[in-house]
Amino acid sequence: MEEHDLILLESAITAIEEASHAVAREVERDRLGETALSRLSTVEAELRRSRLTLEKIIQEETG
């Protein structure tokens, strides 16, 4: 894997982490209805899975 690709993957991980934190902050505010909270929880879980997948790819590619 080229260094440029690695940097892009790491940037994607950072963006996912920021999005995940934003979702968590919204949940903590406790201003949303149950349906919205459920949807946000699903989004947060998908973001975590995406981050873990990208981290696994980086580990595999960098040895």
Protein backbone atom coordinates (compact mmCIF):
# COMPACT_ATOMS: atom_id res chain seq x y z
CA MET A 1 0.00 0.00 0.00
CA GLU A 2 1.33 3.41 -0.90
CA GLU A 3 1.87 6.02 1.78
CA HIS A 4 -0.73 8.27 0.15
CA ASP A 5 -3.36 5.52 0.47
CA LEU A 6 -2.43 4.97 4.09
CA ILE A 7 -2.84 8.68 4.82
CA LEU A 8 -6.26 8.65 3.18
CA LEU A 9 -7.36 5.68 5.28
CA GLU A 10 -6.11 7.33 8.45
CA SER A 11 -7.98 10.52 7.50
CA ALA A 12 -11.12 8.48 6.99
CA ILE A 13 -10.71 6.95 10.44
CA THR A 14 -10.35 10.41 11.96
CA ALA A 15 -13.50 11.59 10.18
CA ILE A 16 -15.41 8.54 11.38
CA GLU A 17 -14.25 9.14 14.96
CA GLU A 18 -15.38 12.76 14.78
CA ALA A 19 -18.76 11.74 13.41
CA SER A 20 -19.12 9.09 16.11
CA HIS A 21 -18.36 11.65 18.81
CA ALA A 22 -20.93 14.03 17.32
CA VAL A 23 -23.55 11.29 17.41
CA ALA A 24 -22.68 10.46 21.02
CA ARG A 25 -23.01 14.14 21.99
CA GLU A 26 -26.47 14.29 20.43
CA VAL A 27 -27.53 11.20 22.33
CA GLU A 28 -26.18 12.68 25.58
CA ARG A 29 -28.21 15.86 25.10
CA ASP A 30 -31.31 13.71 25.53
CA ARG A 31 -33.50 16.05 23.46
CA LEU A 32 -34.52 13.53 20.85
CA GLY A 33 -37.37 11.09 20.74
CA GLU A 34 -36.97 7.37 21.11
CA THR A 35 -37.08 6.71 17.36
CA ALA A 36 -34.38 9.28 16.61
CA LEU A 37 -32.21 7.92 19.42
CA SER A 38 -32.60 4.43 18.05
CA ARG A 39 -31.56 5.59 14.58
CA LEU A 40 -28.57 7.44 15.99
CA SER A 41 -27.52 4.35 17.89
CA THR A 42 -27.63 2.41 14.63
CA VAL A 43 -25.55 5.09 12.92
CA GLU A 44 -23.03 5.03 15.76
CA ALA A 45 -22.72 1.25 15.52
CA GLU A 46 -22.16 1.45 11.76
CA LEU A 47 -19.50 4.12 12.24
CA ARG A 48 -17.71 1.90 14.76
CA ARG A 49 -17.82 -1.06 12.39
CA SER A 50 -16.46 1.07 9.57
CA ARG A 51 -13.64 2.36 11.77
CA LEU A 52 -12.71 -1.15 12.86
CA THR A 53 -12.72 -2.35 9.27
CA LEU A 54 -10.43 0.46 8.18
CA GLU A 55 -8.10 -0.17 11.11
CA LYS A 56 -7.94 -3.86 10.16
CA ILE A 57 -7.08 -2.97 6.56
CA ILE A 58 -4.29 -0.67 7.73
CA GLN A 59 -2.90 -3.37 10.02
CA GLU A 60 -2.97 -5.97 7.25
CA GLU A 61 -1.32 -3.65 4.78
CA THR A 62 1.38 -2.36 7.09
CA GLY A 63 2.26 -5.72 8.57
